[in-house]
């Protein structure tokens, strides 16, 4: 029997953004309980500004390996920023089950994580804002809308923000500053320069920092991060490659100063404690999130391979 190869359209069609939030929530909880295994992400730098990443995980009867790239300047070349493949295997016997497009899968789980963090840590006042409307930013925006949030968008390419807003029924912010002042903000940028400088965050604000997911990237100044209650996706990964890594290197943040989102969801570590508190979620992207989405896509195909969602799925002989 052949192995299904899910292109980007199949991944997007198989799981709606609202359901993706719940799949990613379950992954965070399973990882926090120690039920899912996730070795550290491996970065292979590709100067001047790109990298390759190998991301394995095991849980729920499956094992996954994502081989993915991040080349932030690729759009200038007419190429996607993120590309690669995800391999899903049966964890009981090692047999390969499916191959999935990594770019689409990354976008879906990035949108889910950004919104899950915002709903968990935000104070809930006013519309949410998304800064950066590329592939991942669009997925974050689509997830906010799928969960019923009002939405403001901003992108350095005004036309792109307008197109995404028209597609999703969102509004375009009059300026980047207007977007960054929203009660809930998700930043999905290349992370080449901080968006939040010293003194820029206001009481009660929540920010999901989704762009600084590798060495040398930053979306917030260290001084401003230290004003917030900081929650990361996973300490081991974020302390080396996330926005908080610079504060850790400077000796200004320690493990006891930072919560993990899964442990907040479990109630084992504190999230927001009052309406006036500033909260920040530092996302570096976890392989357990990829596993949750890959498993959901595969299981829907397994249960109904003739569904319209899967029209045109190719199958390969794994040999």
C-alpha atoms as a PDB file:
ATOM      1  CA  UNK A   1       0.000   0.000   0.000  1.00  0.00           C
ATOM      2  CA  UNK A   2       1.273   3.480  -0.858  1.00  0.00           C
ATOM      3  CA  UNK A   3       1.992   6.279   1.580  1.00  0.00           C
ATOM      4  CA  UNK A   4      -0.145   9.428   1.184  1.00  0.00           C
ATOM      5  CA  UNK A   5       1.645  12.681   0.356  1.00  0.00           C
ATOM      6  CA  UNK A   6      -0.352  15.657   1.609  1.00  0.00           C
ATOM      7  CA  UNK A   7       0.284  18.894  -0.293  1.00  0.00           C
ATOM      8  CA  UNK A   8      -0.372  22.267   1.307  1.00  0.00           C
ATOM      9  CA  UNK A   9      -3.996  22.382   0.113  1.00  0.00           C
ATOM     10  CA  UNK A  10      -4.699  19.046   1.776  1.00  0.00           C
ATOM     11  CA  UNK A  11      -3.197  20.180   5.083  1.00  0.00           C
ATOM     12  CA  UNK A  12      -5.194  23.417   5.086  1.00  0.00           C
ATOM     13  CA  UNK A  13      -8.382  21.614   4.088  1.00  0.00           C
ATOM     14  CA  UNK A  14      -8.101  18.781   6.593  1.00  0.00           C
ATOM     15  CA  UNK A  15      -8.199  20.781   9.824  1.00  0.00           C
ATOM     16  CA  UNK A  16      -9.930  24.099  10.349  1.00  0.00           C
ATOM     17  CA  UNK A  17      -8.141  26.783  12.394  1.00  0.00           C
ATOM     18  CA  UNK A  18     -10.476  26.548  15.395  1.00  0.00           C
ATOM     19  CA  UNK A  19      -9.946  22.774  15.618  1.00  0.00           C
ATOM     20  CA  UNK A  20      -6.194  23.264  15.255  1.00  0.00           C
ATOM     21  CA  UNK A  21      -6.197  25.314  18.476  1.00  0.00           C
ATOM     22  CA  UNK A  22      -7.692  22.386  20.368  1.00  0.00           C
ATOM     23  CA  UNK A  23      -5.240  19.904  18.813  1.00  0.00           C
ATOM     24  CA  UNK A  24      -2.298  22.107  19.798  1.00  0.00           C
ATOM     25  CA  UNK A  25      -3.753  22.621  23.284  1.00  0.00           C
ATOM     26  CA  UNK A  26      -3.844  18.831  23.718  1.00  0.00           C
ATOM     27  CA  UNK A  27      -0.212  18.611  22.544  1.00  0.00           C
ATOM     28  CA  UNK A  28       0.952  21.217  25.065  1.00  0.00           C
ATOM     29  CA  UNK A  29      -0.852  19.377  27.849  1.00  0.00           C
ATOM     30  CA  UNK A  30       0.507  15.958  26.852  1.00  0.00           C
ATOM     31  CA  UNK A  31       4.043  17.325  26.678  1.00  0.00           C
ATOM     32  CA  UNK A  32       3.707  19.107  30.028  1.00  0.00           C
ATOM     33  CA  UNK A  33       2.516  15.847  31.635  1.00  0.00           C
ATOM     34  CA  UNK A  34       5.546  14.036  30.231  1.00  0.00           C
ATOM     35  CA  UNK A  35       3.409  11.817  28.001  1.00  0.00           C
ATOM     36  CA  UNK A  36       4.925  13.050  24.708  1.00  0.00           C
ATOM     37  CA  UNK A  37       8.666  13.003  24.063  1.00  0.00           C
ATOM     38  CA  UNK A  38      10.383  15.873  22.248  1.00  0.00           C
ATOM     39  CA  UNK A  39      14.181  15.970  21.829  1.00  0.00           C
ATOM     40  CA  UNK A  40      15.720  19.392  21.254  1.00  0.00           C
ATOM     41  CA  UNK A  41      15.314  21.081  17.888  1.00  0.00           C
ATOM     42  CA  UNK A  42      18.505  21.023  15.798  1.00  0.00           C
ATOM     43  CA  UNK A  43      19.484  24.180  13.899  1.00  0.00           C
ATOM     44  CA  UNK A  44      21.797  24.121  10.892  1.00  0.00           C
ATOM     45  CA  UNK A  45      22.735  27.751  10.073  1.00  0.00           C
ATOM     46  CA  UNK A  46      22.826  28.831   6.435  1.00  0.00           C
ATOM     47  CA  UNK A  47      24.432  32.302   6.390  1.00  0.00           C
ATOM     48  CA  UNK A  48      23.747  35.111   5.946  1.00  0.00           C
ATOM     49  CA  UNK A  49      20.191  34.832   7.270  1.00  0.00           C
ATOM     50  CA  UNK A  50      18.740  31.351   6.744  1.00  0.00           C
ATOM     51  CA  UNK A  51      18.706  28.039   8.569  1.00  0.00           C
ATOM     52  CA  UNK A  52      17.571  24.442   8.398  1.00  0.00           C
ATOM     53  CA  UNK A  53      15.810  22.738  11.323  1.00  0.00           C
ATOM     54  CA  UNK A  54      15.286  19.102  12.274  1.00  0.00           C
ATOM     55  CA  UNK A  55      12.406  18.600  14.719  1.00  0.00           C
ATOM     56  CA  UNK A  56      11.465  15.147  16.104  1.00  0.00           C
ATOM     57  CA  UNK A  57       8.734  14.134  18.552  1.00  0.00           C
ATOM     58  CA  UNK A  58       6.810  11.048  19.685  1.00  0.00           C
ATOM     59  CA  UNK A  59       3.364  10.766  21.228  1.00  0.00           C
ATOM     60  CA  UNK A  60      -0.148   9.447  20.818  1.00  0.00           C
ATOM     61  CA  UNK A  61       1.088   6.353  19.020  1.00  0.00           C
ATOM     62  CA  UNK A  62       2.975   8.349  16.404  1.00  0.00           C
ATOM     63  CA  UNK A  63       6.441   9.715  15.786  1.00  0.00           C
ATOM     64  CA  UNK A  64       7.173  12.745  13.627  1.00  0.00           C
ATOM     65  CA  UNK A  65      10.211  14.350  12.030  1.00  0.00           C
ATOM     66  CA  UNK A  66      10.025  17.782  10.445  1.00  0.00           C
ATOM     67  CA  UNK A  67      12.848  18.961   8.174  1.00  0.00           C
ATOM     68  CA  UNK A  68      12.112  22.603   7.537  1.00  0.00           C
ATOM     69  CA  UNK A  69      13.834  25.797   6.447  1.00  0.00           C
ATOM     70  CA  UNK A  70      13.561  29.449   7.394  1.00  0.00           C
ATOM     71  CA  UNK A  71      14.904  31.944   4.829  1.00  0.00           C
ATOM     72  CA  UNK A  72      13.275  35.302   5.668  1.00  0.00           C
ATOM     73  CA  UNK A  73      14.500  37.014   2.489  1.00  0.00           C
ATOM     74  CA  UNK A  74      13.098  34.356   0.174  1.00  0.00           C
ATOM     75  CA  UNK A  75       9.965  36.362  -0.743  1.00  0.00           C
ATOM     76  CA  UNK A  76      12.291  38.850  -2.440  1.00  0.00           C
ATOM     77  CA  UNK A  77      13.386  35.917  -4.641  1.00  0.00           C
ATOM     78  CA  UNK A  78       9.835  34.768  -5.296  1.00  0.00           C
ATOM     79  CA  UNK A  79      10.293  31.801  -2.952  1.00  0.00           C
ATOM     80  CA  UNK A  80       8.505  30.841   0.282  1.00  0.00           C
ATOM     81  CA  UNK A  81      10.150  31.696   3.605  1.00  0.00           C
ATOM     82  CA  UNK A  82       9.352  28.259   5.030  1.00  0.00           C
ATOM     83  CA  UNK A  83       9.528  24.971   3.134  1.00  0.00           C
ATOM     84  CA  UNK A  84      10.263  21.324   3.834  1.00  0.00           C
ATOM     85  CA  UNK A  85       8.612  18.016   4.653  1.00  0.00           C
ATOM     86  CA  UNK A  86       7.070  16.304   7.659  1.00  0.00           C
ATOM     87  CA  UNK A  87       7.302  12.523   8.029  1.00  0.00           C
ATOM     88  CA  UNK A  88       4.720  10.792  10.234  1.00  0.00           C
ATOM     89  CA  UNK A  89       5.427   7.244  11.416  1.00  0.00           C
ATOM     90  CA  UNK A  90       3.751   4.579  13.526  1.00  0.00           C
ATOM     91  CA  UNK A  91       5.545   4.686  16.889  1.00  0.00           C
ATOM     92  CA  UNK A  92       4.784   1.031  17.612  1.00  0.00           C
ATOM     93  CA  UNK A  93       6.552  -0.466  14.603  1.00  0.00           C
ATOM     94  CA  UNK A  94       8.448   2.346  12.879  1.00  0.00           C
ATOM     95  CA  UNK A  95       6.458   2.166   9.642  1.00  0.00           C
ATOM     96  CA  UNK A  96       6.137   5.394   7.660  1.00  0.00           C
ATOM     97  CA  UNK A  97       2.503   6.528   7.462  1.00  0.00           C
ATOM     98  CA  UNK A  98       2.490   9.857   5.622  1.00  0.00           C
ATOM     99  CA  UNK A  99       4.460  12.747   4.195  1.00  0.00           C
ATOM    100  CA  UNK A 100       3.124  16.289   4.633  1.00  0.00           C
ATOM    101  CA  UNK A 101       4.011  19.748   3.361  1.00  0.00           C
ATOM    102  CA  UNK A 102       5.952  21.469   6.147  1.00  0.00           C
ATOM    103  CA  UNK A 103       5.117  25.040   5.146  1.00  0.00           C
ATOM    104  CA  UNK A 104       1.355  24.594   5.483  1.00  0.00           C
ATOM    105  CA  UNK A 105       1.644  22.490   8.618  1.00  0.00           C
ATOM    106  CA  UNK A 106       3.918  25.097  10.227  1.00  0.00           C
ATOM    107  CA  UNK A 107       1.452  27.861   9.386  1.00  0.00           C
ATOM    108  CA  UNK A 108      -1.509  25.974  10.865  1.00  0.00           C
ATOM    109  CA  UNK A 109       0.220  25.161  14.141  1.00  0.00           C
ATOM    110  CA  UNK A 110       1.757  28.648  14.403  1.00  0.00           C
ATOM    111  CA  UNK A 111      -1.693  30.193  14.111  1.00  0.00           C
ATOM    112  CA  UNK A 112      -3.031  27.780  16.698  1.00  0.00           C
ATOM    113  CA  UNK A 113      -0.222  28.431  19.208  1.00  0.00           C
ATOM    114  CA  UNK A 114      -0.430  32.223  18.877  1.00  0.00           C
ATOM    115  CA  UNK A 115      -4.182  32.259  19.516  1.00  0.00           C
ATOM    116  CA  UNK A 116      -4.068  29.618  22.253  1.00  0.00           C
ATOM    117  CA  UNK A 117      -1.511  31.738  24.120  1.00  0.00           C
ATOM    118  CA  UNK A 118      -3.543  34.905  23.582  1.00  0.00           C
ATOM    119  CA  UNK A 119      -6.739  33.285  24.858  1.00  0.00           C
ATOM    120  CA  UNK A 120      -4.916  31.804  27.841  1.00  0.00           C
ATOM    121  CA  UNK A 121      -2.929  34.892  28.836  1.00  0.00           C
ATOM    122  CA  UNK A 122      -4.799  37.888  27.426  1.00  0.00           C
ATOM    123  CA  UNK A 123      -7.106  40.144  29.427  1.00  0.00           C
ATOM    124  CA  UNK A 124      -9.700  40.025  26.646  1.00  0.00           C
ATOM    125  CA  UNK A 125     -10.180  43.739  25.954  1.00  0.00           C
ATOM    126  CA  UNK A 126     -10.845  44.975  22.414  1.00  0.00           C
ATOM    127  CA  UNK A 127      -9.791  43.538  19.048  1.00  0.00           C
ATOM    128  CA  UNK A 128      -6.655  41.491  18.511  1.00  0.00           C
ATOM    129  CA  UNK A 129      -3.963  42.695  16.120  1.00  0.00           C
ATOM    130  CA  UNK A 130      -1.607  40.736  13.885  1.00  0.00           C
ATOM    131  CA  UNK A 131       1.600  42.403  12.721  1.00  0.00           C
ATOM    132  CA  UNK A 132       3.046  40.603   9.707  1.00  0.00           C
ATOM    133  CA  UNK A 133       0.683  39.073   7.131  1.00  0.00           C
ATOM    134  CA  UNK A 134       2.893  36.564   5.346  1.00  0.00           C
ATOM    135  CA  UNK A 135       1.983  32.868   5.226  1.00  0.00           C
ATOM    136  CA  UNK A 136       2.289  32.335   8.982  1.00  0.00           C
ATOM    137  CA  UNK A 137       0.794  35.725   9.844  1.00  0.00           C
ATOM    138  CA  UNK A 138      -2.198  35.013   7.641  1.00  0.00           C
ATOM    139  CA  UNK A 139      -2.662  31.708   9.485  1.00  0.00           C
ATOM    140  CA  UNK A 140      -2.569  33.516  12.833  1.00  0.00           C
ATOM    141  CA  UNK A 141      -5.138  36.018  11.558  1.00  0.00           C
ATOM    142  CA  UNK A 142      -7.378  33.261  10.181  1.00  0.00           C
ATOM    143  CA  UNK A 143      -7.240  31.472  13.528  1.00  0.00           C
ATOM    144  CA  UNK A 144      -8.219  34.589  15.467  1.00  0.00           C
ATOM    145  CA  UNK A 145     -11.188  35.061  13.120  1.00  0.00           C
ATOM    146  CA  UNK A 146     -12.175  31.388  13.341  1.00  0.00           C
ATOM    147  CA  UNK A 147     -12.278  31.748  17.128  1.00  0.00           C
ATOM    148  CA  UNK A 148     -14.564  34.786  16.847  1.00  0.00           C
ATOM    149  CA  UNK A 149     -12.103  37.616  17.555  1.00  0.00           C
ATOM    150  CA  UNK A 150     -12.313  41.079  16.017  1.00  0.00           C
ATOM    151  CA  UNK A 151      -9.083  41.758  14.191  1.00  0.00           C
ATOM    152  CA  UNK A 152      -6.697  44.501  13.090  1.00  0.00           C
ATOM    153  CA  UNK A 153      -3.920  43.741  10.586  1.00  0.00           C
ATOM    154  CA  UNK A 154      -0.700  45.489   9.646  1.00  0.00           C
ATOM    155  CA  UNK A 155       2.110  44.537   7.286  1.00  0.00           C
ATOM    156  CA  UNK A 156       5.068  46.404   5.831  1.00  0.00           C
ATOM    157  CA  UNK A 157       3.444  45.579   2.476  1.00  0.00           C
ATOM    158  CA  UNK A 158       0.176  47.512   2.782  1.00  0.00           C
ATOM    159  CA  UNK A 159      -1.358  45.681  -0.169  1.00  0.00           C
ATOM    160  CA  UNK A 160      -0.773  42.319   1.459  1.00  0.00           C
ATOM    161  CA  UNK A 161      -2.489  43.455   4.674  1.00  0.00           C
ATOM    162  CA  UNK A 162      -5.435  44.732   2.653  1.00  0.00           C
ATOM    163  CA  UNK A 163      -5.778  41.457   0.734  1.00  0.00           C
ATOM    164  CA  UNK A 164      -5.710  39.338   3.892  1.00  0.00           C
ATOM    165  CA  UNK A 165      -8.163  41.684   5.614  1.00  0.00           C
ATOM    166  CA  UNK A 166     -10.568  41.466   2.668  1.00  0.00           C
ATOM    167  CA  UNK A 167     -10.367  37.663   2.644  1.00  0.00           C
ATOM    168  CA  UNK A 168     -10.951  37.315   6.386  1.00  0.00           C
ATOM    169  CA  UNK A 169     -13.335  40.172   7.112  1.00  0.00           C
ATOM    170  CA  UNK A 170     -10.765  42.009   9.226  1.00  0.00           C
ATOM    171  CA  UNK A 171      -9.695  45.659   9.395  1.00  0.00           C
ATOM    172  CA  UNK A 172      -6.378  47.210   8.417  1.00  0.00           C
ATOM    173  CA  UNK A 173      -4.672  49.304  11.079  1.00  0.00           C
ATOM    174  CA  UNK A 174      -3.858  52.875  10.127  1.00  0.00           C
ATOM    175  CA  UNK A 175      -0.254  52.386  11.230  1.00  0.00           C
ATOM    176  CA  UNK A 176       2.059  49.834  12.760  1.00  0.00           C
ATOM    177  CA  UNK A 177       1.882  51.784  16.016  1.00  0.00           C
ATOM    178  CA  UNK A 178      -1.911  51.464  16.104  1.00  0.00           C
ATOM    179  CA  UNK A 179      -1.647  47.690  15.689  1.00  0.00           C
ATOM    180  CA  UNK A 180       1.040  47.370  18.354  1.00  0.00           C
ATOM    181  CA  UNK A 181      -1.169  49.189  20.865  1.00  0.00           C
ATOM    182  CA  UNK A 182      -4.015  46.625  20.692  1.00  0.00           C
ATOM    183  CA  UNK A 183      -4.928  44.744  23.859  1.00  0.00           C
ATOM    184  CA  UNK A 184      -3.779  41.500  22.252  1.00  0.00           C
ATOM    185  CA  UNK A 185      -1.017  41.527  19.638  1.00  0.00           C
ATOM    186  CA  UNK A 186       0.572  38.678  17.696  1.00  0.00           C
ATOM    187  CA  UNK A 187       3.800  39.592  15.911  1.00  0.00           C
ATOM    188  CA  UNK A 188       4.752  37.318  13.018  1.00  0.00           C
ATOM    189  CA  UNK A 189       7.761  39.027  11.467  1.00  0.00           C
ATOM    190  CA  UNK A 190      11.260  37.952  10.361  1.00  0.00           C
ATOM    191  CA  UNK A 191      12.489  39.093  13.782  1.00  0.00           C
ATOM    192  CA  UNK A 192      15.333  41.187  12.437  1.00  0.00           C
ATOM    193  CA  UNK A 193      14.495  44.171  14.660  1.00  0.00           C
ATOM    194  CA  UNK A 194      12.515  44.618  17.883  1.00  0.00           C
ATOM    195  CA  UNK A 195       8.978  45.911  17.437  1.00  0.00           C
ATOM    196  CA  UNK A 196       8.497  46.620  21.141  1.00  0.00           C
ATOM    197  CA  UNK A 197      11.071  49.056  22.483  1.00  0.00           C
ATOM    198  CA  UNK A 198      11.519  50.132  26.115  1.00  0.00           C
ATOM    199  CA  UNK A 199       8.293  51.492  27.608  1.00  0.00           C
ATOM    200  CA  UNK A 200       6.070  50.546  24.658  1.00  0.00           C
ATOM    201  CA  UNK A 201       3.806  47.930  26.266  1.00  0.00           C
ATOM    202  CA  UNK A 202       0.806  49.183  28.222  1.00  0.00           C
ATOM    203  CA  UNK A 203      -0.819  47.686  31.349  1.00  0.00           C
ATOM    204  CA  UNK A 204      -3.064  44.717  30.604  1.00  0.00           C
ATOM    205  CA  UNK A 205      -1.581  44.067  27.185  1.00  0.00           C
ATOM    206  CA  UNK A 206      -0.703  40.600  25.877  1.00  0.00           C
ATOM    207  CA  UNK A 207       1.786  39.917  23.081  1.00  0.00           C
ATOM    208  CA  UNK A 208       2.347  36.593  21.302  1.00  0.00           C
ATOM    209  CA  UNK A 209       5.872  36.850  19.900  1.00  0.00           C
ATOM    210  CA  UNK A 210       5.916  34.358  17.021  1.00  0.00           C
ATOM    211  CA  UNK A 211       8.727  35.598  14.778  1.00  0.00           C
ATOM    212  CA  UNK A 212      11.911  35.336  16.856  1.00  0.00           C
ATOM    213  CA  UNK A 213      12.205  31.568  16.625  1.00  0.00           C
ATOM    214  CA  UNK A 214      15.942  31.191  16.071  1.00  0.00           C
ATOM    215  CA  UNK A 215      19.368  32.515  17.028  1.00  0.00           C
ATOM    216  CA  UNK A 216      19.886  36.236  16.486  1.00  0.00           C
ATOM    217  CA  UNK A 217      16.200  37.089  16.015  1.00  0.00           C
ATOM    218  CA  UNK A 218      14.234  39.490  18.211  1.00  0.00           C
ATOM    219  CA  UNK A 219      10.802  41.137  18.262  1.00  0.00           C
ATOM    220  CA  UNK A 220      11.052  42.780  21.700  1.00  0.00           C
ATOM    221  CA  UNK A 221      13.785  44.628  23.600  1.00  0.00           C
ATOM    222  CA  UNK A 222      15.171  42.840  26.657  1.00  0.00           C
ATOM    223  CA  UNK A 223      14.183  45.731  28.920  1.00  0.00           C
ATOM    224  CA  UNK A 224      10.596  45.535  27.701  1.00  0.00           C
ATOM    225  CA  UNK A 225      10.376  41.760  28.023  1.00  0.00           C
ATOM    226  CA  UNK A 226      11.416  42.101  31.670  1.00  0.00           C
ATOM    227  CA  UNK A 227       8.337  44.270  32.333  1.00  0.00           C
ATOM    228  CA  UNK A 228       6.061  41.348  31.428  1.00  0.00           C
ATOM    229  CA  UNK A 229       5.055  38.025  32.909  1.00  0.00           C
ATOM    230  CA  UNK A 230       6.907  35.798  30.458  1.00  0.00           C
ATOM    231  CA  UNK A 231       5.501  32.485  29.268  1.00  0.00           C
ATOM    232  CA  UNK A 232       7.333  30.367  26.679  1.00  0.00           C
ATOM    233  CA  UNK A 233       6.440  27.256  24.709  1.00  0.00           C
ATOM    234  CA  UNK A 234       9.332  25.292  26.247  1.00  0.00           C
ATOM    235  CA  UNK A 235      12.121  26.631  28.459  1.00  0.00           C
ATOM    236  CA  UNK A 236      14.941  24.486  27.087  1.00  0.00           C
ATOM    237  CA  UNK A 237      14.313  25.585  23.528  1.00  0.00           C
ATOM    238  CA  UNK A 238      13.282  29.195  24.131  1.00  0.00           C
ATOM    239  CA  UNK A 239      16.159  29.924  26.510  1.00  0.00           C
ATOM    240  CA  UNK A 240      18.597  29.181  23.690  1.00  0.00           C
ATOM    241  CA  UNK A 241      16.761  30.405  20.592  1.00  0.00           C
ATOM    242  CA  UNK A 242      13.796  32.554  21.569  1.00  0.00           C
ATOM    243  CA  UNK A 243      13.222  36.215  22.383  1.00  0.00           C
ATOM    244  CA  UNK A 244      13.965  35.500  26.030  1.00  0.00           C
ATOM    245  CA  UNK A 245      17.393  33.979  25.238  1.00  0.00           C
ATOM    246  CA  UNK A 246      19.057  37.390  25.225  1.00  0.00           C
ATOM    247  CA  UNK A 247      17.746  38.107  28.722  1.00  0.00           C
ATOM    248  CA  UNK A 248      18.914  34.661  29.846  1.00  0.00           C
ATOM    249  CA  UNK A 249      22.385  35.249  28.407  1.00  0.00           C
ATOM    250  CA  UNK A 250      22.547  38.577  30.251  1.00  0.00           C
ATOM    251  CA  UNK A 251      21.667  36.830  33.519  1.00  0.00           C
ATOM    252  CA  UNK A 252      18.390  38.733  33.853  1.00  0.00           C
ATOM    253  CA  UNK A 253      15.942  35.834  33.448  1.00  0.00           C
ATOM    254  CA  UNK A 254      16.089  32.401  35.069  1.00  0.00           C
ATOM    255  CA  UNK A 255      13.910  29.334  34.718  1.00  0.00           C
ATOM    256  CA  UNK A 256      11.959  30.254  37.855  1.00  0.00           C
ATOM    257  CA  UNK A 257      11.089  33.619  36.264  1.00  0.00           C
ATOM    258  CA  UNK A 258       9.431  32.030  33.225  1.00  0.00           C
ATOM    259  CA  UNK A 259       6.369  29.777  32.893  1.00  0.00           C
ATOM    260  CA  UNK A 260       5.744  27.214  30.158  1.00  0.00           C
ATOM    261  CA  UNK A 261       2.399  27.397  28.375  1.00  0.00           C
ATOM    262  CA  UNK A 262       1.634  23.703  28.899  1.00  0.00           C
ATOM    263  CA  UNK A 263       2.200  24.031  32.635  1.00  0.00           C
ATOM    264  CA  UNK A 264       0.018  27.146  32.728  1.00  0.00           C
ATOM    265  CA  UNK A 265      -2.752  25.164  31.023  1.00  0.00           C
ATOM    266  CA  UNK A 266      -2.316  22.416  33.618  1.00  0.00           C
ATOM    267  CA  UNK A 267      -2.462  24.966  36.447  1.00  0.00           C
ATOM    268  CA  UNK A 268       1.047  24.078  37.634  1.00  0.00           C
ATOM    269  CA  UNK A 269       2.607  27.472  36.814  1.00  0.00           C
ATOM    270  CA  UNK A 270       1.090  30.958  36.893  1.00  0.00           C
ATOM    271  CA  UNK A 271      -0.217  32.787  33.858  1.00  0.00           C
ATOM    272  CA  UNK A 272      -1.902  36.173  34.040  1.00  0.00           C
ATOM    273  CA  UNK A 273      -2.635  37.089  37.661  1.00  0.00           C
ATOM    274  CA  UNK A 274      -4.514  40.371  37.255  1.00  0.00           C
ATOM    275  CA  UNK A 275      -6.113  42.465  34.521  1.00  0.00           C
ATOM    276  CA  UNK A 276      -3.372  45.100  34.598  1.00  0.00           C
ATOM    277  CA  UNK A 277      -0.484  42.702  34.166  1.00  0.00           C
ATOM    278  CA  UNK A 278       1.515  42.647  30.912  1.00  0.00           C
ATOM    279  CA  UNK A 279       1.957  39.146  29.506  1.00  0.00           C
ATOM    280  CA  UNK A 280       4.290  37.921  26.753  1.00  0.00           C
ATOM    281  CA  UNK A 281       4.364  34.533  25.040  1.00  0.00           C
ATOM    282  CA  UNK A 282       7.716  33.604  23.512  1.00  0.00           C
ATOM    283  CA  UNK A 283       7.176  31.026  20.776  1.00  0.00           C
ATOM    284  CA  UNK A 284       9.984  29.054  19.163  1.00  0.00           C
ATOM    285  CA  UNK A 285       7.742  26.353  17.663  1.00  0.00           C
ATOM    286  CA  UNK A 286       7.583  22.842  19.077  1.00  0.00           C
ATOM    287  CA  UNK A 287       7.694  19.505  17.300  1.00  0.00           C
ATOM    288  CA  UNK A 288       4.806  18.299  19.503  1.00  0.00           C
ATOM    289  CA  UNK A 289       2.637  20.956  17.830  1.00  0.00           C
ATOM    290  CA  UNK A 290       3.663  19.591  14.429  1.00  0.00           C
ATOM    291  CA  UNK A 291       2.874  16.068  15.620  1.00  0.00           C
ATOM    292  CA  UNK A 292      -0.622  17.076  16.726  1.00  0.00           C
ATOM    293  CA  UNK A 293      -1.489  18.637  13.360  1.00  0.00           C
ATOM    294  CA  UNK A 294       0.154  15.873  11.290  1.00  0.00           C
ATOM    295  CA  UNK A 295      -1.769  13.214  13.215  1.00  0.00           C
ATOM    296  CA  UNK A 296      -5.057  15.076  12.754  1.00  0.00           C
ATOM    297  CA  UNK A 297      -4.530  15.391   8.985  1.00  0.00           C
ATOM    298  CA  UNK A 298      -3.544  11.727   8.649  1.00  0.00           C
ATOM    299  CA  UNK A 299      -6.385  10.392  10.785  1.00  0.00           C
ATOM    300  CA  UNK A 300      -9.014  12.251   8.814  1.00  0.00           C
ATOM    301  CA  UNK A 301      -7.597  10.749   5.598  1.00  0.00           C
ATOM    302  CA  UNK A 302      -7.376   7.294   7.165  1.00  0.00           C
ATOM    303  CA  UNK A 303     -11.021   7.435   8.221  1.00  0.00           C
ATOM    304  CA  UNK A 304     -12.326   8.904   4.930  1.00  0.00           C
ATOM    305  CA  UNK A 305      -9.724   8.793   2.132  1.00  0.00           C
ATOM    306  CA  UNK A 306     -12.400   9.604  -0.448  1.00  0.00           C
ATOM    307  CA  UNK A 307     -13.299  12.955   1.132  1.00  0.00           C
ATOM    308  CA  UNK A 308     -13.195  15.937  -1.214  1.00  0.00           C
ATOM    309  CA  UNK A 309     -10.552  17.500   1.038  1.00  0.00           C
ATOM    310  CA  UNK A 310      -8.116  14.818  -0.120  1.00  0.00           C
ATOM    311  CA  UNK A 311      -8.775  14.996  -3.841  1.00  0.00           C
ATOM    312  CA  UNK A 312      -5.520  14.635  -5.717  1.00  0.00           C
ATOM    313  CA  UNK A 313      -3.530  13.139  -2.844  1.00  0.00           C
ATOM    314  CA  UNK A 314      -0.560  11.297  -4.334  1.00  0.00           C
ATOM    315  CA  UNK A 315       0.713   8.049  -2.898  1.00  0.00           C
ATOM    316  CA  UNK A 316       4.304   6.836  -2.911  1.00  0.00           C
ATOM    317  CA  UNK A 317       5.858   3.452  -2.339  1.00  0.00           C
ATOM    318  CA  UNK A 318       8.123   3.840   0.722  1.00  0.00           C
ATOM    319  CA  UNK A 319      10.241   0.985  -0.600  1.00  0.00           C
END
